[in-house]
Amino acid sequence: GRIMHEMRRGPAGDQVLGGTVYYGSADATPLFLMLLAECRRW
């Protein structure tokens, strides 16, 4: 359920992030919900 923090595609992405996608964010997940409802209003 967690929304990702950062995605990388460079040659050393796995060495830096542990994978191409890193999830260490506390705020992206609630912001996802906020934006979804706002999109419907718009």
PDB file of all heavy atoms in Angstrom:
ATOM      1  N   GLY A   1       0.779  -1.232   0.000  1.00  0.00           N
ATOM      2  CA  GLY A   1       0.000   0.000   0.000  1.00  0.00           C
ATOM      3  C   GLY A   1       0.805   1.272   0.000  1.00  0.00           C
ATOM      4  O   GLY A   1       0.262   2.358  -0.216  1.00  0.00           O
ATOM      5  N   ARG A   2       2.104   1.172   0.232  1.00  0.00           N
ATOM      6  CA  ARG A   2       2.924   2.379   0.337  1.00  0.00           C
ATOM      7  C   ARG A   2       3.205   2.957  -1.049  1.00  0.00           C
ATOM      8  O   ARG A   2       3.499   2.238  -1.997  1.00  0.00           O
ATOM      9  CB  ARG A   2       4.240   2.049   1.041  1.00  0.00           C
ATOM     10  CG  ARG A   2       5.030   3.276   1.498  1.00  0.00           C
ATOM     11  CD  ARG A   2       6.254   2.885   2.312  1.00  0.00           C
ATOM     12  NE  ARG A   2       6.740   4.004   3.107  1.00  0.00           N
ATOM     13  CZ  ARG A   2       7.771   3.962   3.929  1.00  0.00           C
ATOM     14  NH1 ARG A   2       8.450   2.814   4.073  1.00  0.00           N
ATOM     15  NH2 ARG A   2       8.144   5.021   4.618  1.00  0.00           N
ATOM     16  N   ILE A   3       3.131   4.281  -1.149  1.00  0.00           N
ATOM     17  CA  ILE A   3       3.446   4.974  -2.392  1.00  0.00           C
ATOM     18  C   ILE A   3       4.947   5.258  -2.428  1.00  0.00           C
ATOM     19  O   ILE A   3       5.535   5.708  -1.444  1.00  0.00           O
ATOM     20  CB  ILE A   3       2.644   6.280  -2.516  1.00  0.00           C
ATOM     21  CG1 ILE A   3       1.135   5.973  -2.550  1.00  0.00           C
ATOM     22  CG2 ILE A   3       3.053   7.054  -3.758  1.00  0.00           C
ATOM     23  CD1 ILE A   3       0.681   5.110  -3.709  1.00  0.00           C
ATOM     24  N   MET A   4       5.540   5.000  -3.566  1.00  0.00           N
ATOM     25  CA  MET A   4       6.990   5.094  -3.695  1.00  0.00           C
ATOM     26  C   MET A   4       7.495   6.515  -3.494  1.00  0.00           C
ATOM     27  O   MET A   4       6.768   7.499  -3.645  1.00  0.00           O
ATOM     28  CB  MET A   4       7.429   4.559  -5.057  1.00  0.00           C
ATOM     29  CG  MET A   4       6.779   5.234  -6.257  1.00  0.00           C
ATOM     30  SD  MET A   4       7.520   6.793  -6.796  1.00  0.00           S
ATOM     31  CE  MET A   4       8.919   6.170  -7.670  1.00  0.00           C
ATOM     32  N   HIS A   5       8.803   6.580  -3.172  1.00  0.00           N
ATOM     33  CA  HIS A   5       9.471   7.864  -3.012  1.00  0.00           C
ATOM     34  C   HIS A   5      10.230   8.267  -4.267  1.00  0.00           C
ATOM     35  O   HIS A   5      10.150   9.409  -4.715  1.00  0.00           O
ATOM     36  CB  HIS A   5      10.439   7.806  -1.828  1.00  0.00           C
ATOM     37  CG  HIS A   5      11.363   8.989  -1.755  1.00  0.00           C
ATOM     38  ND1 HIS A   5      10.905  10.268  -1.556  1.00  0.00           N
ATOM     39  CD2 HIS A   5      12.719   9.092  -1.875  1.00  0.00           C
ATOM     40  CE1 HIS A   5      11.931  11.114  -1.538  1.00  0.00           C
ATOM     41  NE2 HIS A   5      13.041  10.436  -1.745  1.00  0.00           N
ATOM     42  N   GLU A   6      10.947   7.324  -4.870  1.00  0.00           N
ATOM     43  CA  GLU A   6      11.865   7.680  -5.944  1.00  0.00           C
ATOM     44  C   GLU A   6      12.100   6.490  -6.866  1.00  0.00           C
ATOM     45  O   GLU A   6      12.200   5.358  -6.405  1.00  0.00           O
ATOM     46  CB  GLU A   6      13.196   8.129  -5.332  1.00  0.00           C
ATOM     47  CG  GLU A   6      14.284   8.475  -6.309  1.00  0.00           C
ATOM     48  CD  GLU A   6      15.556   8.942  -5.603  1.00  0.00           C
ATOM     49  OE1 GLU A   6      15.576   9.005  -4.354  1.00  0.00           O
ATOM     50  OE2 GLU A   6      16.533   9.228  -6.312  1.00  0.00           O
ATOM     51  N   MET A   7      12.212   6.774  -8.157  1.00  0.00           N
ATOM     52  CA  MET A   7      12.514   5.738  -9.145  1.00  0.00           C
ATOM     53  C   MET A   7      13.750   6.161  -9.925  1.00  0.00           C
ATOM     54  O   MET A   7      13.902   7.329 -10.278  1.00  0.00           O
ATOM     55  CB  MET A   7      11.335   5.547 -10.099  1.00  0.00           C
ATOM     56  CG  MET A   7      11.567   4.521 -11.207  1.00  0.00           C
ATOM     57  SD  MET A   7      10.082   4.244 -12.204  1.00  0.00           S
ATOM     58  CE  MET A   7       9.880   5.856 -12.991  1.00  0.00           C
ATOM     59  N   ARG A   8      14.660   5.207 -10.170  1.00  0.00           N
ATOM     60  CA  ARG A   8      15.870   5.498 -10.925  1.00  0.00           C
ATOM     61  C   ARG A   8      16.110   4.418 -11.969  1.00  0.00           C
ATOM     62  O   ARG A   8      15.790   3.251 -11.749  1.00  0.00           O
ATOM     63  CB  ARG A   8      17.088   5.583  -9.990  1.00  0.00           C
ATOM     64  CG  ARG A   8      17.078   6.785  -9.056  1.00  0.00           C
ATOM     65  CD  ARG A   8      17.222   8.089  -9.808  1.00  0.00           C
ATOM     66  NE  ARG A   8      17.336   9.235  -8.899  1.00  0.00           N
ATOM     67  CZ  ARG A   8      17.468  10.485  -9.310  1.00  0.00           C
ATOM     68  NH1 ARG A   8      17.484  10.755 -10.598  1.00  0.00           N
ATOM     69  NH2 ARG A   8      17.574  11.474  -8.444  1.00  0.00           N
ATOM     70  N   ARG A   9      16.732   4.827 -13.096  1.00  0.00           N
ATOM     71  CA  ARG A   9      17.002   3.882 -14.177  1.00  0.00           C
ATOM     72  C   ARG A   9      18.467   3.874 -14.592  1.00  0.00           C
ATOM     73  O   ARG A   9      18.827   3.326 -15.619  1.00  0.00           O
ATOM     74  CB  ARG A   9      16.126   4.228 -15.386  1.00  0.00           C
ATOM     75  CG  ARG A   9      14.647   4.036 -15.134  1.00  0.00           C
ATOM     76  CD  ARG A   9      13.820   4.474 -16.310  1.00  0.00           C
ATOM     77  NE  ARG A   9      13.884   5.922 -16.508  1.00  0.00           N
ATOM     78  CZ  ARG A   9      13.167   6.583 -17.418  1.00  0.00           C
ATOM     79  NH1 ARG A   9      12.350   5.914 -18.207  1.00  0.00           N
ATOM     80  NH2 ARG A   9      13.272   7.884 -17.546  1.00  0.00           N
ATOM     81  N   GLY A  10      19.337   4.505 -13.797  1.00  0.00           N
ATOM     82  CA  GLY A  10      20.745   4.578 -14.140  1.00  0.00           C
ATOM     83  C   GLY A  10      21.474   3.278 -13.883  1.00  0.00           C
ATOM     84  O   GLY A  10      20.935   2.340 -13.274  1.00  0.00           O
ATOM     85  N   PRO A  11      22.757   3.190 -14.300  1.00  0.00           N
ATOM     86  CA  PRO A  11      23.509   1.940 -14.155  1.00  0.00           C
ATOM     87  C   PRO A  11      23.760   1.539 -12.718  1.00  0.00           C
ATOM     88  O   PRO A  11      24.016   0.364 -12.445  1.00  0.00           O
ATOM     89  CB  PRO A  11      24.829   2.239 -14.893  1.00  0.00           C
ATOM     90  CG  PRO A  11      24.903   3.724 -14.994  1.00  0.00           C
ATOM     91  CD  PRO A  11      23.494   4.214 -15.049  1.00  0.00           C
ATOM     92  N   ALA A  12      23.696   2.493 -11.755  1.00  0.00           N
ATOM     93  CA  ALA A  12      23.955   2.153 -10.357  1.00  0.00           C
ATOM     94  C   ALA A  12      22.714   2.289  -9.491  1.00  0.00           C
ATOM     95  O   ALA A  12      22.810   2.361  -8.268  1.00  0.00           O
ATOM     96  CB  ALA A  12      25.080   3.029  -9.794  1.00  0.00           C
ATOM     97  N   GLY A  13      21.525   2.320 -10.106  1.00  0.00           N
ATOM     98  CA  GLY A  13      20.302   2.490  -9.337  1.00  0.00           C
ATOM     99  C   GLY A  13      20.105   1.421  -8.279  1.00  0.00           C
ATOM    100  O   GLY A  13      19.714   1.697  -7.150  1.00  0.00           O
ATOM    101  N   ASP A  14      20.392   0.168  -8.630  1.00  0.00           N
ATOM    102  CA  ASP A  14      20.222  -0.914  -7.660  1.00  0.00           C
ATOM    103  C   ASP A  14      21.174  -0.775  -6.485  1.00  0.00           C
ATOM    104  O   ASP A  14      20.827  -1.072  -5.344  1.00  0.00           O
ATOM    105  CB  ASP A  14      20.439  -2.269  -8.337  1.00  0.00           C
ATOM    106  CG  ASP A  14      19.281  -2.652  -9.241  1.00  0.00           C
ATOM    107  OD1 ASP A  14      18.279  -1.917  -9.238  1.00  0.00           O
ATOM    108  OD2 ASP A  14      19.384  -3.673  -9.932  1.00  0.00           O
ATOM    109  N   GLN A  15      22.396  -0.315  -6.754  1.00  0.00           N
ATOM    110  CA  GLN A  15      23.367  -0.192  -5.684  1.00  0.00           C
ATOM    111  C   GLN A  15      22.993   0.931  -4.713  1.00  0.00           C
ATOM    112  O   GLN A  15      23.291   0.857  -3.525  1.00  0.00           O
ATOM    113  CB  GLN A  15      24.764   0.076  -6.251  1.00  0.00           C
ATOM    114  CG  GLN A  15      25.425  -1.146  -6.884  1.00  0.00           C
ATOM    115  CD  GLN A  15      24.860  -1.464  -8.258  1.00  0.00           C
ATOM    116  OE1 GLN A  15      24.234  -0.613  -8.881  1.00  0.00           O
ATOM    117  NE2 GLN A  15      25.054  -2.684  -8.716  1.00  0.00           N
ATOM    118  N   VAL A  16      22.341   1.975  -5.222  1.00  0.00           N
ATOM    119  CA  VAL A  16      21.997   3.116  -4.380  1.00  0.00           C
ATOM    120  C   VAL A  16      20.684   2.896  -3.650  1.00  0.00           C
ATOM    121  O   VAL A  16      20.571   3.127  -2.447  1.00  0.00           O
ATOM    122  CB  VAL A  16      21.933   4.406  -5.225  1.00  0.00           C
ATOM    123  CG1 VAL A  16      21.491   5.583  -4.369  1.00  0.00           C
ATOM    124  CG2 VAL A  16      23.295   4.685  -5.839  1.00  0.00           C
ATOM    125  N   LEU A  17      19.670   2.448  -4.366  1.00  0.00           N
ATOM    126  CA  LEU A  17      18.325   2.344  -3.804  1.00  0.00           C
ATOM    127  C   LEU A  17      17.967   0.938  -3.338  1.00  0.00           C
ATOM    128  O   LEU A  17      16.950   0.752  -2.677  1.00  0.00           O
ATOM    129  CB  LEU A  17      17.282   2.798  -4.836  1.00  0.00           C
ATOM    130  CG  LEU A  17      17.443   4.213  -5.417  1.00  0.00           C
ATOM    131  CD1 LEU A  17      16.369   4.473  -6.450  1.00  0.00           C
ATOM    132  CD2 LEU A  17      17.376   5.245  -4.315  1.00  0.00           C
ATOM    133  N   GLY A  18      18.770  -0.048  -3.687  1.00  0.00           N
ATOM    134  CA  GLY A  18      18.395  -1.433  -3.397  1.00  0.00           C
ATOM    135  C   GLY A  18      17.488  -2.009  -4.460  1.00  0.00           C
ATOM    136  O   GLY A  18      17.105  -3.169  -4.409  1.00  0.00           O
ATOM    137  N   GLY A  19      17.131  -1.212  -5.424  1.00  0.00           N
ATOM    138  CA  GLY A  19      16.247  -1.598  -6.520  1.00  0.00           C
ATOM    139  C   GLY A  19      15.983  -0.361  -7.351  1.00  0.00           C
ATOM    140  O   GLY A  19      16.453   0.733  -7.028  1.00  0.00           O
ATOM    141  N   THR A  20      15.229  -0.498  -8.413  1.00  0.00           N
ATOM    142  CA  THR A  20      14.957   0.677  -9.233  1.00  0.00           C
ATOM    143  C   THR A  20      13.945   1.614  -8.570  1.00  0.00           C
ATOM    144  O   THR A  20      13.837   2.776  -8.964  1.00  0.00           O
ATOM    145  CB  THR A  20      14.418   0.260 -10.610  1.00  0.00           C
ATOM    146  OG1 THR A  20      13.245  -0.544 -10.424  1.00  0.00           O
ATOM    147  CG2 THR A  20      15.461  -0.527 -11.382  1.00  0.00           C
ATOM    148  N   VAL A  21      13.208   1.124  -7.571  1.00  0.00           N
ATOM    149  CA  VAL A  21      12.207   1.938  -6.878  1.00  0.00           C
ATOM    150  C   VAL A  21      12.479   1.883  -5.383  1.00  0.00           C
ATOM    151  O   VAL A  21      12.676   0.806  -4.810  1.00  0.00           O
ATOM    152  CB  VAL A  21      10.775   1.441  -7.167  1.00  0.00           C
ATOM    153  CG1 VAL A  21       9.751   2.316  -6.464  1.00  0.00           C
ATOM    154  CG2 VAL A  21      10.514   1.417  -8.667  1.00  0.00           C
ATOM    155  N   TYR A  22      12.482   3.061  -4.747  1.00  0.00           N
ATOM    156  CA  TYR A  22      12.698   3.174  -3.300  1.00  0.00           C
ATOM    157  C   TYR A  22      11.449   3.802  -2.685  1.00  0.00           C
ATOM    158  O   TYR A  22      10.866   4.735  -3.257  1.00  0.00           O
ATOM    159  CB  TYR A  22      13.935   4.028  -3.027  1.00  0.00           C
ATOM    160  CG  TYR A  22      14.162   4.325  -1.560  1.00  0.00           C
ATOM    161  CD1 TYR A  22      14.565   3.323  -0.685  1.00  0.00           C
ATOM    162  CD2 TYR A  22      13.978   5.606  -1.054  1.00  0.00           C
ATOM    163  CE1 TYR A  22      14.766   3.595   0.661  1.00  0.00           C
ATOM    164  CE2 TYR A  22      14.189   5.890   0.282  1.00  0.00           C
ATOM    165  CZ  TYR A  22      14.584   4.876   1.135  1.00  0.00           C
ATOM    166  OH  TYR A  22      14.784   5.136   2.463  1.00  0.00           O
ATOM    167  N   TYR A  23      11.044   3.320  -1.508  1.00  0.00           N
ATOM    168  CA  TYR A  23       9.741   3.676  -0.939  1.00  0.00           C
ATOM    169  C   TYR A  23       9.822   4.502   0.339  1.00  0.00           C
ATOM    170  O   TYR A  23       8.795   4.740   0.979  1.00  0.00           O
ATOM    171  CB  TYR A  23       8.942   2.394  -0.650  1.00  0.00           C
ATOM    172  CG  TYR A  23       8.461   1.691  -1.888  1.00  0.00           C
ATOM    173  CD1 TYR A  23       9.300   0.837  -2.598  1.00  0.00           C
ATOM    174  CD2 TYR A  23       7.178   1.900  -2.384  1.00  0.00           C
ATOM    175  CE1 TYR A  23       8.873   0.193  -3.751  1.00  0.00           C
ATOM    176  CE2 TYR A  23       6.738   1.267  -3.541  1.00  0.00           C
ATOM    177  CZ  TYR A  23       7.595   0.420  -4.218  1.00  0.00           C
ATOM    178  OH  TYR A  23       7.160  -0.199  -5.360  1.00  0.00           O
ATOM    179  N   GLY A  24      11.012   4.987   0.729  1.00  0.00           N
ATOM    180  CA  GLY A  24      11.160   5.649   2.017  1.00  0.00           C
ATOM    181  C   GLY A  24      10.568   7.036   2.086  1.00  0.00           C
ATOM    182  O   GLY A  24      11.276   8.042   2.108  1.00  0.00           O
ATOM    183  N   SER A  25       9.245   7.112   2.146  1.00  0.00           N
ATOM    184  CA  SER A  25       8.526   8.383   2.252  1.00  0.00           C
ATOM    185  C   SER A  25       7.338   8.192   3.181  1.00  0.00           C
ATOM    186  O   SER A  25       6.571   7.242   3.024  1.00  0.00           O
ATOM    187  CB  SER A  25       8.044   8.846   0.875  1.00  0.00           C
ATOM    188  OG  SER A  25       7.047   9.837   0.994  1.00  0.00           O
ATOM    189  N   ALA A  26       7.185   9.114   4.136  1.00  0.00           N
ATOM    190  CA  ALA A  26       6.038   9.051   5.045  1.00  0.00           C
ATOM    191  C   ALA A  26       4.842   9.828   4.526  1.00  0.00           C
ATOM    192  O   ALA A  26       3.724   9.644   5.015  1.00  0.00           O
ATOM    193  CB  ALA A  26       6.434   9.591   6.422  1.00  0.00           C
ATOM    194  N   ASP A  27       5.057  10.702   3.547  1.00  0.00           N
ATOM    195  CA  ASP A  27       3.992  11.618   3.158  1.00  0.00           C
ATOM    196  C   ASP A  27       3.385  11.356   1.782  1.00  0.00           C
ATOM    197  O   ASP A  27       2.286  11.805   1.492  1.00  0.00           O
ATOM    198  CB  ASP A  27       4.480  13.069   3.221  1.00  0.00           C
ATOM    199  CG  ASP A  27       5.834  13.272   2.557  1.00  0.00           C
ATOM    200  OD1 ASP A  27       6.294  12.359   1.856  1.00  0.00           O
ATOM    201  OD2 ASP A  27       6.434  14.344   2.754  1.00  0.00           O
ATOM    202  N   ALA A  28       4.088  10.612   0.924  1.00  0.00           N
ATOM    203  CA  ALA A  28       3.553  10.390  -0.420  1.00  0.00           C
ATOM    204  C   ALA A  28       2.232   9.629  -0.379  1.00  0.00           C
ATOM    205  O   ALA A  28       1.336   9.894  -1.201  1.00  0.00           O
ATOM    206  CB  ALA A  28       4.576   9.632  -1.268  1.00  0.00           C
ATOM    207  N   THR A  29       2.089   8.706   0.568  1.00  0.00           N
ATOM    208  CA  THR A  29       0.882   7.870   0.603  1.00  0.00           C
ATOM    209  C   THR A  29      -0.372   8.686   0.916  1.00  0.00           C
ATOM    210  O   THR A  29      -1.369   8.595   0.188  1.00  0.00           O
ATOM    211  CB  THR A  29       1.071   6.712   1.591  1.00  0.00           C
ATOM    212  OG1 THR A  29       2.269   6.003   1.229  1.00  0.00           O
ATOM    213  CG2 THR A  29      -0.099   5.754   1.553  1.00  0.00           C
ATOM    214  N   PRO A  30      -0.404   9.525   1.963  1.00  0.00           N
ATOM    215  CA  PRO A  30      -1.612  10.354   2.148  1.00  0.00           C
ATOM    216  C   PRO A  30      -1.796  11.392   1.045  1.00  0.00           C
ATOM    217  O   PRO A  30      -2.939  11.716   0.692  1.00  0.00           O
ATOM    218  CB  PRO A  30      -1.381  11.020   3.511  1.00  0.00           C
ATOM    219  CG  PRO A  30       0.079  10.913   3.777  1.00  0.00           C
ATOM    220  CD  PRO A  30       0.517   9.651   3.117  1.00  0.00           C
ATOM    221  N   LEU A  31      -0.703  11.918   0.491  1.00  0.00           N
ATOM    222  CA  LEU A  31      -0.845  12.873  -0.605  1.00  0.00           C
ATOM    223  C   LEU A  31      -1.523  12.237  -1.815  1.00  0.00           C
ATOM    224  O   LEU A  31      -2.259  12.913  -2.547  1.00  0.00           O
ATOM    225  CB  LEU A  31       0.523  13.428  -0.997  1.00  0.00           C
ATOM    226  CG  LEU A  31       1.155  14.431  -0.028  1.00  0.00           C
ATOM    227  CD1 LEU A  31       2.621  14.664  -0.380  1.00  0.00           C
ATOM    228  CD2 LEU A  31       0.390  15.748  -0.015  1.00  0.00           C
ATOM    229  N   PHE A  32      -1.291  10.955  -2.040  1.00  0.00           N
ATOM    230  CA  PHE A  32      -1.952  10.229  -3.124  1.00  0.00           C
ATOM    231  C   PHE A  32      -3.472  10.309  -2.961  1.00  0.00           C
ATOM    232  O   PHE A  32      -4.203  10.611  -3.918  1.00  0.00           O
ATOM    233  CB  PHE A  32      -1.478   8.775  -3.119  1.00  0.00           C
ATOM    234  CG  PHE A  32      -2.102   7.904  -4.177  1.00  0.00           C
ATOM    235  CD1 PHE A  32      -1.491   7.739  -5.408  1.00  0.00           C
ATOM    236  CD2 PHE A  32      -3.306   7.239  -3.946  1.00  0.00           C
ATOM    237  CE1 PHE A  32      -2.060   6.932  -6.394  1.00  0.00           C
ATOM    238  CE2 PHE A  32      -3.880   6.428  -4.908  1.00  0.00           C
ATOM    239  CZ  PHE A  32      -3.257   6.284  -6.141  1.00  0.00           C
ATOM    240  N   LEU A  33      -3.958  10.048  -1.768  1.00  0.00           N
ATOM    241  CA  LEU A  33      -5.399  10.099  -1.512  1.00  0.00           C
ATOM    242  C   LEU A  33      -5.946  11.513  -1.680  1.00  0.00           C
ATOM    243  O   LEU A  33      -7.022  11.719  -2.252  1.00  0.00           O
ATOM    244  CB  LEU A  33      -5.682   9.590  -0.104  1.00  0.00           C
ATOM    245  CG  LEU A  33      -5.685   8.069   0.050  1.00  0.00           C
ATOM    246  CD1 LEU A  33      -5.192   7.664   1.418  1.00  0.00           C
ATOM    247  CD2 LEU A  33      -7.090   7.531  -0.184  1.00  0.00           C
ATOM    248  N   MET A  34      -5.213  12.481  -1.161  1.00  0.00           N
ATOM    249  CA  MET A  34      -5.650  13.869  -1.291  1.00  0.00           C
ATOM    250  C   MET A  34      -5.826  14.255  -2.761  1.00  0.00           C
ATOM    251  O   MET A  34      -6.832  14.855  -3.145  1.00  0.00           O
ATOM    252  CB  MET A  34      -4.629  14.798  -0.636  1.00  0.00           C
ATOM    253  CG  MET A  34      -4.577  14.753   0.874  1.00  0.00           C
ATOM    254  SD  MET A  34      -3.164  15.721   1.519  1.00  0.00           S
ATOM    255  CE  MET A  34      -3.521  17.357   0.880  1.00  0.00           C
ATOM    256  N   LEU A  35      -4.839  13.902  -3.578  1.00  0.00           N
ATOM    257  CA  LEU A  35      -4.883  14.307  -4.984  1.00  0.00           C
ATOM    258  C   LEU A  35      -5.991  13.587  -5.742  1.00  0.00           C
ATOM    259  O   LEU A  35      -6.619  14.170  -6.635  1.00  0.00           O
ATOM    260  CB  LEU A  35      -3.529  14.048  -5.639  1.00  0.00           C
ATOM    261  CG  LEU A  35      -3.402  14.489  -7.099  1.00  0.00           C
ATOM    262  CD1 LEU A  35      -3.639  15.986  -7.255  1.00  0.00           C
ATOM    263  CD2 LEU A  35      -2.044  14.108  -7.671  1.00  0.00           C
ATOM    264  N   LEU A  36      -6.256  12.345  -5.393  1.00  0.00           N
ATOM    265  CA  LEU A  36      -7.299  11.605  -6.102  1.00  0.00           C
ATOM    266  C   LEU A  36      -8.654  12.281  -5.951  1.00  0.00           C
ATOM    267  O   LEU A  36      -9.387  12.472  -6.929  1.00  0.00           O
ATOM    268  CB  LEU A  36      -7.357  10.162  -5.591  1.00  0.00           C
ATOM    269  CG  LEU A  36      -8.407   9.269  -6.262  1.00  0.00           C
ATOM    270  CD1 LEU A  36      -8.156   9.160  -7.757  1.00  0.00           C
ATOM    271  CD2 LEU A  36      -8.405   7.876  -5.616  1.00  0.00           C
ATOM    272  N   ALA A  37      -9.008  12.668  -4.732  1.00  0.00           N
ATOM    273  CA  ALA A  37     -10.286  13.353  -4.527  1.00  0.00           C
ATOM    274  C   ALA A  37     -10.291  14.716  -5.205  1.00  0.00           C
ATOM    275  O   ALA A  37     -11.309  15.143  -5.773  1.00  0.00           O
ATOM    276  CB  ALA A  37     -10.560  13.497  -3.036  1.00  0.00           C
ATOM    277  N   GLU A  38      -9.154  15.407  -5.162  1.00  0.00           N
ATOM    278  CA  GLU A  38      -9.077  16.723  -5.796  1.00  0.00           C
ATOM    279  C   GLU A  38      -9.253  16.618  -7.306  1.00  0.00           C
ATOM    280  O   GLU A  38      -9.887  17.474  -7.932  1.00  0.00           O
ATOM    281  CB  GLU A  38      -7.740  17.379  -5.444  1.00  0.00           C
ATOM    282  CG  GLU A  38      -7.622  18.825  -5.871  1.00  0.00           C
ATOM    283  CD  GLU A  38      -8.427  19.798  -5.023  1.00  0.00           C
ATOM    284  OE1 GLU A  38      -9.150  19.349  -4.106  1.00  0.00           O
ATOM    285  OE2 GLU A  38      -8.345  21.011  -5.284  1.00  0.00           O
ATOM    286  N   CYS A  39      -8.707  15.562  -7.891  1.00  0.00           N
ATOM    287  CA  CYS A  39      -8.867  15.370  -9.345  1.00  0.00           C
ATOM    288  C   CYS A  39     -10.337  15.217  -9.712  1.00  0.00           C
ATOM    289  O   CYS A  39     -10.781  15.731 -10.753  1.00  0.00           O
ATOM    290  CB  CYS A  39      -8.083  14.146  -9.796  1.00  0.00           C
ATOM    291  SG  CYS A  39      -6.305  14.423  -9.968  1.00  0.00           S
ATOM    292  N   ARG A  40     -11.074  14.507  -8.896  1.00  0.00           N
ATOM    293  CA  ARG A  40     -12.507  14.342  -9.187  1.00  0.00           C
ATOM    294  C   ARG A  40     -13.208  15.700  -9.119  1.00  0.00           C
ATOM    295  O   ARG A  40     -14.064  15.997  -9.959  1.00  0.00           O
ATOM    296  CB  ARG A  40     -13.147  13.354  -8.223  1.00  0.00           C
ATOM    297  CG  ARG A  40     -14.617  13.067  -8.542  1.00  0.00           C
ATOM    298  CD  ARG A  40     -15.208  11.964  -7.680  1.00  0.00           C
ATOM    299  NE  ARG A  40     -16.587  11.704  -8.084  1.00  0.00           N
ATOM    300  CZ  ARG A  40     -17.646  12.363  -7.594  1.00  0.00           C
ATOM    301  NH1 ARG A  40     -17.477  13.297  -6.660  1.00  0.00           N
ATOM    302  NH2 ARG A  40     -18.866  12.078  -8.027  1.00  0.00           N
ATOM    303  N   ARG A  41     -12.860  16.528  -8.144  1.00  0.00           N
ATOM    304  CA  ARG A  41     -13.472  17.852  -8.054  1.00  0.00           C
ATOM    305  C   ARG A  41     -13.172  18.678  -9.301  1.00  0.00           C
ATOM    306  O   ARG A  41     -13.985  19.492  -9.727  1.00  0.00           O
ATOM    307  CB  ARG A  41     -12.953  18.598  -6.821  1.00  0.00           C
ATOM    308  CG  ARG A  41     -13.381  17.999  -5.496  1.00  0.00           C
ATOM    309  CD  ARG A  41     -12.824  18.799  -4.318  1.00  0.00           C
ATOM    310  NE  ARG A  41     -12.609  17.917  -3.178  1.00  0.00           N
ATOM    311  CZ  ARG A  41     -11.458  17.688  -2.592  1.00  0.00           C
ATOM    312  NH1 ARG A  41     -10.367  18.288  -3.034  1.00  0.00           N
ATOM    313  NH2 ARG A  41     -11.370  16.863  -1.562  1.00  0.00           N
ATOM    314  N   TRP A  42     -11.985  18.475  -9.883  1.00  0.00           N
ATOM    315  CA  TRP A  42     -11.589  19.243 -11.055  1.00  0.00           C
ATOM    316  C   TRP A  42     -12.041  18.600 -12.359  1.00  0.00           C
ATOM    317  O   TRP A  42     -11.714  19.090 -13.438  1.00  0.00           O
ATOM    318  CB  TRP A  42     -10.068  19.432 -11.070  1.00  0.00           C
ATOM    319  CG  TRP A  42      -9.621  20.532 -10.165  1.00  0.00           C
ATOM    320  CD1 TRP A  42      -9.511  20.489  -8.802  1.00  0.00           C
ATOM    321  CD2 TRP A  42      -9.234  21.850 -10.553  1.00  0.00           C
ATOM    322  NE1 TRP A  42      -9.077  21.699  -8.315  1.00  0.00           N
ATOM    323  CE2 TRP A  42      -8.893  22.552  -9.371  1.00  0.00           C
ATOM    324  CE3 TRP A  42      -9.121  22.508 -11.773  1.00  0.00           C
ATOM    325  CZ2 TRP A  42      -8.465  23.883  -9.380  1.00  0.00           C
ATOM    326  CZ3 TRP A  42      -8.686  23.836 -11.783  1.00  0.00           C
ATOM    327  CH2 TRP A  42      -8.366  24.510 -10.603  1.00  0.00           C
TER     328      TRP A  42
END
